[in-house]
Amino acid sequence: MSNSLITLASLRISEANPNHHLWNNNGTWFLHYTVYPTPFTKERVRRSLGTKCVTTARDRRDQFFGHLAKSSKGSAGIGQVAVA
């Protein structure tokens, strides 16, 4: 029996909140999201976007999630991005 890695990316975006997945910590914007490395565990991730400008933070967030969507579609397993 071989072990195969299946990658699923699910992204939920609220159109009512332009700052979804963004968190301001003392003036610096961070990206925060949750990953599920196994079906039984989850991990919250916070990454500095290195900016104090909300517009730049939104652009960097969108670039990050765009890269995530492309990499999950190009993986050996199943790639799926759900936008809600």
PDB file of N, CA and C in Angstrom:
ATOM      1  N   MET A   1       0.847  -1.182   0.000  1.00  0.00           N
ATOM      2  CA  MET A   1       0.000   0.000   0.000  1.00  0.00           C
ATOM      3  C   MET A   1       0.887   1.238   0.000  1.00  0.00           C
ATOM      4  N   SER A   2       0.621   2.156  -0.907  1.00  0.00           N
ATOM      5  CA  SER A   2       1.431   3.368  -0.966  1.00  0.00           C
ATOM      6  C   SER A   2       0.735   4.517  -0.245  1.00  0.00           C
ATOM      7  N   ASN A   3       1.553   5.377   0.298  1.00  0.00           N
ATOM      8  CA  ASN A   3       1.015   6.572   0.949  1.00  0.00           C
ATOM      9  C   ASN A   3       0.981   7.686  -0.080  1.00  0.00           C
ATOM     10  N   SER A   4      -0.165   8.301  -0.276  1.00  0.00           N
ATOM     11  CA  SER A   4      -0.250   9.429  -1.195  1.00  0.00           C
ATOM     12  C   SER A   4      -0.729  10.644  -0.427  1.00  0.00           C
ATOM     13  N   LEU A   5      -0.188  11.768  -0.808  1.00  0.00           N
ATOM     14  CA  LEU A   5      -0.536  13.022  -0.157  1.00  0.00           C
ATOM     15  C   LEU A   5      -1.619  13.703  -0.966  1.00  0.00           C
ATOM     16  N   ILE A   6      -2.711  14.035  -0.327  1.00  0.00           N
ATOM     17  CA  ILE A   6      -3.790  14.764  -0.977  1.00  0.00           C
ATOM     18  C   ILE A   6      -3.826  16.155  -0.375  1.00  0.00           C
ATOM     19  N   THR A   7      -3.714  17.157  -1.214  1.00  0.00           N
ATOM     20  CA  THR A   7      -3.703  18.538  -0.754  1.00  0.00           C
ATOM     21  C   THR A   7      -5.032  19.188  -1.094  1.00  0.00           C
ATOM     22  N   LEU A   8      -5.680  19.711  -0.102  1.00  0.00           N
ATOM     23  CA  LEU A   8      -6.926  20.437  -0.305  1.00  0.00           C
ATOM     24  C   LEU A   8      -6.766  21.835   0.262  1.00  0.00           C
ATOM     25  N   ALA A   9      -7.079  22.820  -0.520  1.00  0.00           N
ATOM     26  CA  ALA A   9      -7.054  24.189  -0.036  1.00  0.00           C
ATOM     27  C   ALA A   9      -8.478  24.710  -0.049  1.00  0.00           C
ATOM     28  N   SER A  10      -8.930  25.140   1.079  1.00  0.00           N
ATOM     29  CA  SER A  10     -10.272  25.705   1.168  1.00  0.00           C
ATOM     30  C   SER A  10     -10.138  27.122   1.692  1.00  0.00           C
ATOM     31  N   LEU A  11     -10.686  28.050   0.971  1.00  0.00           N
ATOM     32  CA  LEU A  11     -10.546  29.450   1.320  1.00  0.00           C
ATOM     33  C   LEU A  11     -11.919  30.076   1.392  1.00  0.00           C
ATOM     34  N   ARG A  12     -12.237  30.624   2.533  1.00  0.00           N
ATOM     35  CA  ARG A  12     -13.529  31.286   2.709  1.00  0.00           C
ATOM     36  C   ARG A  12     -13.287  32.783   2.834  1.00  0.00           C
ATOM     37  N   ILE A  13     -13.951  33.527   1.959  1.00  0.00           N
ATOM     38  CA  ILE A  13     -13.769  34.972   1.928  1.00  0.00           C
ATOM     39  C   ILE A  13     -15.108  35.653   2.117  1.00  0.00           C
ATOM     40  N   SER A  14     -15.139  36.576   3.057  1.00  0.00           N
ATOM     41  CA  SER A  14     -16.342  37.351   3.301  1.00  0.00           C
ATOM     42  C   SER A  14     -16.244  38.652   2.518  1.00  0.00           C
ATOM     43  N   GLU A  15     -17.126  38.830   1.541  1.00  0.00           N
ATOM     44  CA  GLU A  15     -17.115  40.063   0.758  1.00  0.00           C
ATOM     45  C   GLU A  15     -17.489  41.271   1.609  1.00  0.00           C
ATOM     46  N   ALA A  16     -18.206  41.037   2.701  1.00  0.00           N
ATOM     47  CA  ALA A  16     -18.596  42.133   3.589  1.00  0.00           C
ATOM     48  C   ALA A  16     -17.423  42.641   4.426  1.00  0.00           C
ATOM     49  N   ASN A  17     -16.336  41.867   4.513  1.00  0.00           N
ATOM     50  CA  ASN A  17     -15.183  42.241   5.324  1.00  0.00           C
ATOM     51  C   ASN A  17     -13.935  42.283   4.447  1.00  0.00           C
ATOM     52  N   PRO A  18     -13.505  43.463   3.989  1.00  0.00           N
ATOM     53  CA  PRO A  18     -12.326  43.539   3.123  1.00  0.00           C
ATOM     54  C   PRO A  18     -11.024  43.179   3.838  1.00  0.00           C
ATOM     55  N   ASN A  19     -11.071  43.089   5.168  1.00  0.00           N
ATOM     56  CA  ASN A  19      -9.868  42.753   5.938  1.00  0.00           C
ATOM     57  C   ASN A  19      -9.891  41.313   6.452  1.00  0.00           C
ATOM     58  N   HIS A  20     -10.628  40.434   5.770  1.00  0.00           N
ATOM     59  CA  HIS A  20     -10.662  39.048   6.208  1.00  0.00           C
ATOM     60  C   HIS A  20      -9.250  38.473   6.218  1.00  0.00           C
ATOM     61  N   HIS A  21      -8.956  37.662   7.192  1.00  0.00           N
ATOM     62  CA  HIS A  21      -7.653  37.028   7.393  1.00  0.00           C
ATOM     63  C   HIS A  21      -6.552  38.026   7.744  1.00  0.00           C
ATOM     64  N   LEU A  22      -6.908  39.272   8.032  1.00  0.00           N
ATOM     65  CA  LEU A  22      -5.908  40.264   8.433  1.00  0.00           C
ATOM     66  C   LEU A  22      -6.087  40.605   9.902  1.00  0.00           C
ATOM     67  N   TRP A  23      -4.962  40.859  10.557  1.00  0.00           N
ATOM     68  CA  TRP A  23      -4.954  41.177  11.978  1.00  0.00           C
ATOM     69  C   TRP A  23      -3.925  42.268  12.199  1.00  0.00           C
ATOM     70  N   ASN A  24      -4.327  43.349  12.866  1.00  0.00           N
ATOM     71  CA  ASN A  24      -3.438  44.464  13.136  1.00  0.00           C
ATOM     72  C   ASN A  24      -2.887  44.312  14.548  1.00  0.00           C
ATOM     73  N   ASN A  25      -1.575  44.149  14.641  1.00  0.00           N
ATOM     74  CA  ASN A  25      -0.909  44.005  15.928  1.00  0.00           C
ATOM     75  C   ASN A  25       0.006  45.208  16.138  1.00  0.00           C
ATOM     76  N   ASN A  26      -0.462  46.161  16.932  1.00  0.00           N
ATOM     77  CA  ASN A  26       0.309  47.372  17.239  1.00  0.00           C
ATOM     78  C   ASN A  26       0.770  48.098  15.977  1.00  0.00           C
ATOM     79  N   GLY A  27      -0.093  48.162  14.982  1.00  0.00           N
ATOM     80  CA  GLY A  27       0.200  48.923  13.777  1.00  0.00           C
ATOM     81  C   GLY A  27       0.752  48.113  12.625  1.00  0.00           C
ATOM     82  N   THR A  28       1.229  46.893  12.871  1.00  0.00           N
ATOM     83  CA  THR A  28       1.749  46.039  11.805  1.00  0.00           C
ATOM     84  C   THR A  28       0.699  45.000  11.441  1.00  0.00           C
ATOM     85  N   TRP A  29       0.449  44.849  10.149  1.00  0.00           N
ATOM     86  CA  TRP A  29      -0.570  43.907   9.682  1.00  0.00           C
ATOM     87  C   TRP A  29      -0.008  42.502   9.565  1.00  0.00           C
ATOM     88  N   PHE A  30      -0.796  41.542  10.004  1.00  0.00           N
ATOM     89  CA  PHE A  30      -0.458  40.119   9.942  1.00  0.00           C
ATOM     90  C   PHE A  30      -1.530  39.379   9.164  1.00  0.00           C
ATOM     91  N   LEU A  31      -1.122  38.292   8.535  1.00  0.00           N
ATOM     92  CA  LEU A  31      -2.045  37.362   7.905  1.00  0.00           C
ATOM     93  C   LEU A  31      -2.290  36.250   8.901  1.00  0.00           C
ATOM     94  N   HIS A  32      -3.542  35.892   9.145  1.00  0.00           N
ATOM     95  CA  HIS A  32      -3.803  34.774  10.043  1.00  0.00           C
ATOM     96  C   HIS A  32      -4.810  33.839   9.404  1.00  0.00           C
ATOM     97  N   TYR A  33      -4.508  32.546   9.540  1.00  0.00           N
ATOM     98  CA  TYR A  33      -5.336  31.508   8.943  1.00  0.00           C
ATOM     99  C   TYR A  33      -5.126  30.214   9.710  1.00  0.00           C
ATOM    100  N   THR A  34      -5.944  29.227   9.431  1.00  0.00           N
ATOM    101  CA  THR A  34      -5.857  27.939  10.112  1.00  0.00           C
ATOM    102  C   THR A  34      -5.558  26.853   9.098  1.00  0.00           C
ATOM    103  N   VAL A  35      -4.610  25.985   9.424  1.00  0.00           N
ATOM    104  CA  VAL A  35      -4.305  24.822   8.583  1.00  0.00           C
ATOM    105  C   VAL A  35      -4.644  23.558   9.352  1.00  0.00           C
ATOM    106  N   TYR A  36      -4.956  22.517   8.610  1.00  0.00           N
ATOM    107  CA  TYR A  36      -5.320  21.226   9.197  1.00  0.00           C
ATOM    108  C   TYR A  36      -4.338  20.181   8.694  1.00  0.00           C
ATOM    109  N   PRO A  37      -3.204  19.997   9.398  1.00  0.00           N
ATOM    110  CA  PRO A  37      -2.185  19.056   8.922  1.00  0.00           C
ATOM    111  C   PRO A  37      -2.653  17.600   8.920  1.00  0.00           C
ATOM    112  N   THR A  38      -3.572  17.260   9.788  1.00  0.00           N
ATOM    113  CA  THR A  38      -4.162  15.923   9.800  1.00  0.00           C
ATOM    114  C   THR A  38      -5.660  16.099  10.010  1.00  0.00           C
ATOM    115  N   PRO A  39      -6.446  15.067   9.773  1.00  0.00           N
ATOM    116  CA  PRO A  39      -7.888  15.199  10.010  1.00  0.00           C
ATOM    117  C   PRO A  39      -8.249  15.469  11.471  1.00  0.00           C
ATOM    118  N   PHE A  40      -7.292  15.268  12.369  1.00  0.00           N
ATOM    119  CA  PHE A  40      -7.582  15.389  13.795  1.00  0.00           C
ATOM    120  C   PHE A  40      -6.927  16.591  14.468  1.00  0.00           C
ATOM    121  N   THR A  41      -6.137  17.353  13.726  1.00  0.00           N
ATOM    122  CA  THR A  41      -5.435  18.486  14.332  1.00  0.00           C
ATOM    123  C   THR A  41      -5.611  19.741  13.487  1.00  0.00           C
ATOM    124  N   LYS A  42      -5.445  20.875  14.130  1.00  0.00           N
ATOM    125  CA  LYS A  42      -5.436  22.142  13.414  1.00  0.00           C
ATOM    126  C   LYS A  42      -4.351  23.025  14.005  1.00  0.00           C
ATOM    127  N   GLU A  43      -3.906  23.967  13.206  1.00  0.00           N
ATOM    128  CA  GLU A  43      -2.844  24.867  13.636  1.00  0.00           C
ATOM    129  C   GLU A  43      -3.175  26.263  13.138  1.00  0.00           C
ATOM    130  N   ARG A  44      -3.147  27.231  14.034  1.00  0.00           N
ATOM    131  CA  ARG A  44      -3.359  28.620  13.640  1.00  0.00           C
ATOM    132  C   ARG A  44      -2.017  29.232  13.277  1.00  0.00           C
ATOM    133  N   VAL A  45      -1.990  29.898  12.147  1.00  0.00           N
ATOM    134  CA  VAL A  45      -0.758  30.482  11.647  1.00  0.00           C
ATOM    135  C   VAL A  45      -0.936  31.992  11.560  1.00  0.00           C
ATOM    136  N   ARG A  46       0.047  32.704  12.046  1.00  0.00           N
ATOM    137  CA  ARG A  46       0.083  34.165  11.910  1.00  0.00           C
ATOM    138  C   ARG A  46       1.427  34.533  11.318  1.00  0.00           C
ATOM    139  N   ARG A  47       1.367  35.268  10.208  1.00  0.00           N
ATOM    140  CA  ARG A  47       2.589  35.681   9.513  1.00  0.00           C
ATOM    141  C   ARG A  47       2.557  37.186   9.330  1.00  0.00           C
ATOM    142  N   SER A  48       3.649  37.829   9.685  1.00  0.00           N
ATOM    143  CA  SER A  48       3.733  39.277   9.499  1.00  0.00           C
ATOM    144  C   SER A  48       3.748  39.588   8.013  1.00  0.00           C
ATOM    145  N   LEU A  49       2.979  40.596   7.630  1.00  0.00           N
ATOM    146  CA  LEU A  49       2.996  41.072   6.254  1.00  0.00           C
ATOM    147  C   LEU A  49       3.995  42.208   6.078  1.00  0.00           C
ATOM    148  N   GLY A  50       4.626  42.606   7.172  1.00  0.00           N
ATOM    149  CA  GLY A  50       5.708  43.583   7.119  1.00  0.00           C
ATOM    150  C   GLY A  50       5.289  44.967   6.653  1.00  0.00           C
ATOM    151  N   THR A  51       4.062  45.362   6.967  1.00  0.00           N
ATOM    152  CA  THR A  51       3.593  46.675   6.543  1.00  0.00           C
ATOM    153  C   THR A  51       2.633  47.259   7.574  1.00  0.00           C
ATOM    154  N   LYS A  52       2.579  48.554   7.582  1.00  0.00           N
ATOM    155  CA  LYS A  52       1.614  49.262   8.426  1.00  0.00           C
ATOM    156  C   LYS A  52       0.461  49.804   7.586  1.00  0.00           C
ATOM    157  N   CYS A  53       0.526  49.601   6.278  1.00  0.00           N
ATOM    158  CA  CYS A  53      -0.475  50.085   5.334  1.00  0.00           C
ATOM    159  C   CYS A  53      -1.491  48.973   5.046  1.00  0.00           C
ATOM    160  N   VAL A  54      -2.771  49.230   5.310  1.00  0.00           N
ATOM    161  CA  VAL A  54      -3.793  48.201   5.125  1.00  0.00           C
ATOM    162  C   VAL A  54      -3.941  47.827   3.642  1.00  0.00           C
ATOM    163  N   THR A  55      -3.767  48.769   2.739  1.00  0.00           N
ATOM    164  CA  THR A  55      -3.879  48.465   1.310  1.00  0.00           C
ATOM    165  C   THR A  55      -2.780  47.504   0.870  1.00  0.00           C
ATOM    166  N   THR A  56      -1.556  47.754   1.328  1.00  0.00           N
ATOM    167  CA  THR A  56      -0.439  46.859   1.022  1.00  0.00           C
ATOM    168  C   THR A  56      -0.671  45.492   1.653  1.00  0.00           C
ATOM    169  N   ALA A  57      -1.192  45.478   2.874  1.00  0.00           N
ATOM    170  CA  ALA A  57      -1.489  44.210   3.558  1.00  0.00           C
ATOM    171  C   ALA A  57      -2.511  43.397   2.775  1.00  0.00           C
ATOM    172  N   ARG A  58      -3.544  44.045   2.252  1.00  0.00           N
ATOM    173  CA  ARG A  58      -4.553  43.341   1.453  1.00  0.00           C
ATOM    174  C   ARG A  58      -3.938  42.762   0.187  1.00  0.00           C
ATOM    175  N   ASP A  59      -3.066  43.535  -0.468  1.00  0.00           N
ATOM    176  CA  ASP A  59      -2.403  43.048  -1.680  1.00  0.00           C
ATOM    177  C   ASP A  59      -1.532  41.832  -1.380  1.00  0.00           C
ATOM    178  N   ARG A  60      -0.769  41.887  -0.291  1.00  0.00           N
ATOM    179  CA  ARG A  60       0.103  40.768   0.077  1.00  0.00           C
ATOM    180  C   ARG A  60      -0.700  39.540   0.477  1.00  0.00           C
ATOM    181  N   ARG A  61      -1.826  39.743   1.164  1.00  0.00           N
ATOM    182  CA  ARG A  61      -2.722  38.632   1.508  1.00  0.00           C
ATOM    183  C   ARG A  61      -3.248  37.972   0.241  1.00  0.00           C
ATOM    184  N   ASP A  62      -3.698  38.784  -0.698  1.00  0.00           N
ATOM    185  CA  ASP A  62      -4.248  38.244  -1.942  1.00  0.00           C
ATOM    186  C   ASP A  62      -3.186  37.492  -2.739  1.00  0.00           C
ATOM    187  N   GLN A  63      -1.956  37.995  -2.748  1.00  0.00           N
ATOM    188  CA  GLN A  63      -0.860  37.295  -3.425  1.00  0.00           C
ATOM    189  C   GLN A  63      -0.586  35.954  -2.758  1.00  0.00           C
ATOM    190  N   PHE A  64      -0.585  35.933  -1.426  1.00  0.00           N
ATOM    191  CA  PHE A  64      -0.333  34.692  -0.696  1.00  0.00           C
ATOM    192  C   PHE A  64      -1.398  33.649  -1.020  1.00  0.00           C
ATOM    193  N   PHE A  65      -2.680  34.033  -0.942  1.00  0.00           N
ATOM    194  CA  PHE A  65      -3.750  33.082  -1.204  1.00  0.00           C
ATOM    195  C   PHE A  65      -3.791  32.694  -2.683  1.00  0.00           C
ATOM    196  N   GLY A  66      -3.408  33.600  -3.575  1.00  0.00           N
ATOM    197  CA  GLY A  66      -3.308  33.248  -4.992  1.00  0.00           C
ATOM    198  C   GLY A  66      -2.245  32.195  -5.224  1.00  0.00           C
ATOM    199  N   HIS A  67      -1.110  32.351  -4.566  1.00  0.00           N
ATOM    200  CA  HIS A  67      -0.035  31.356  -4.661  1.00  0.00           C
ATOM    201  C   HIS A  67      -0.495  30.016  -4.082  1.00  0.00           C
ATOM    202  N   LEU A  68      -1.208  30.063  -2.960  1.00  0.00           N
ATOM    203  CA  LEU A  68      -1.729  28.841  -2.341  1.00  0.00           C
ATOM    204  C   LEU A  68      -2.683  28.120  -3.290  1.00  0.00           C
ATOM    205  N   ALA A  69      -3.548  28.865  -3.949  1.00  0.00           N
ATOM    206  CA  ALA A  69      -4.507  28.267  -4.880  1.00  0.00           C
ATOM    207  C   ALA A  69      -3.786  27.605  -6.050  1.00  0.00           C
ATOM    208  N   LYS A  70      -2.777  28.277  -6.604  1.00  0.00           N
ATOM    209  CA  LYS A  70      -2.024  27.707  -7.727  1.00  0.00           C
ATOM    210  C   LYS A  70      -1.265  26.461  -7.305  1.00  0.00           C
ATOM    211  N   SER A  71      -0.637  26.489  -6.128  1.00  0.00           N
ATOM    212  CA  SER A  71       0.159  25.341  -5.699  1.00  0.00           C
ATOM    213  C   SER A  71      -0.719  24.148  -5.358  1.00  0.00           C
ATOM    214  N   SER A  72      -1.930  24.372  -4.857  1.00  0.00           N
ATOM    215  CA  SER A  72      -2.798  23.238  -4.542  1.00  0.00           C
ATOM    216  C   SER A  72      -3.367  22.627  -5.815  1.00  0.00           C
ATOM    217  N   LYS A  73      -3.608  23.430  -6.845  1.00  0.00           N
ATOM    218  CA  LYS A  73      -4.108  22.897  -8.110  1.00  0.00           C
ATOM    219  C   LYS A  73      -3.030  22.118  -8.841  1.00  0.00           C
ATOM    220  N   GLY A  74      -1.782  22.488  -8.641  1.00  0.00           N
ATOM    221  CA  GLY A  74      -0.686  21.824  -9.324  1.00  0.00           C
ATOM    222  C   GLY A  74      -0.085  20.678  -8.548  1.00  0.00           C
ATOM    223  N   SER A  75      -0.655  20.312  -7.401  1.00  0.00           N
ATOM    224  CA  SER A  75      -0.086  19.245  -6.581  1.00  0.00           C
ATOM    225  C   SER A  75      -0.429  17.887  -7.159  1.00  0.00           C
ATOM    226  N   ALA A  76       0.215  16.866  -6.645  1.00  0.00           N
ATOM    227  CA  ALA A  76      -0.007  15.505  -7.116  1.00  0.00           C
ATOM    228  C   ALA A  76      -1.361  14.980  -6.714  1.00  0.00           C
ATOM    229  N   GLY A  77      -1.941  15.560  -5.687  1.00  0.00           N
ATOM    230  CA  GLY A  77      -3.238  15.088  -5.220  1.00  0.00           C
ATOM    231  C   GLY A  77      -4.368  15.891  -5.807  1.00  0.00           C
ATOM    232  N   ILE A  78      -5.373  16.093  -5.039  1.00  0.00           N
ATOM    233  CA  ILE A  78      -6.546  16.835  -5.468  1.00  0.00           C
ATOM    234  C   ILE A  78      -6.365  18.285  -5.075  1.00  0.00           C
ATOM    235  N   GLY A  79      -6.533  19.201  -5.995  1.00  0.00           N
ATOM    236  CA  GLY A  79      -6.439  20.613  -5.671  1.00  0.00           C
ATOM    237  C   GLY A  79      -7.822  21.244  -5.745  1.00  0.00           C
ATOM    238  N   GLN A  80      -8.193  21.960  -4.732  1.00  0.00           N
ATOM    239  CA  GLN A  80      -9.526  22.545  -4.702  1.00  0.00           C
ATOM    240  C   GLN A  80      -9.485  23.830  -3.905  1.00  0.00           C
ATOM    241  N   VAL A  81     -10.036  24.875  -4.442  1.00  0.00           N
ATOM    242  CA  VAL A  81     -10.163  26.118  -3.709  1.00  0.00           C
ATOM    243  C   VAL A  81     -11.636  26.481  -3.674  1.00  0.00           C
ATOM    244  N   ALA A  82     -12.171  26.605  -2.494  1.00  0.00           N
ATOM    245  CA  ALA A  82     -13.580  26.982  -2.326  1.00  0.00           C
ATOM    246  C   ALA A  82     -13.630  28.399  -1.801  1.00  0.00           C
ATOM    247  N   VAL A  83     -14.296  29.271  -2.499  1.00  0.00           N
ATOM    248  CA  VAL A  83     -14.442  30.649  -2.068  1.00  0.00           C
ATOM    249  C   VAL A  83     -15.895  30.881  -1.708  1.00  0.00           C
ATOM    250  N   ALA A  84     -16.124  31.234  -0.438  1.00  0.00           N
ATOM    251  CA  ALA A  84     -17.496  31.455   0.027  1.00  0.00           C
ATOM    252  C   ALA A  84     -17.654  32.847   0.568  1.00  0.00           C
TER     253      ALA A  84
END
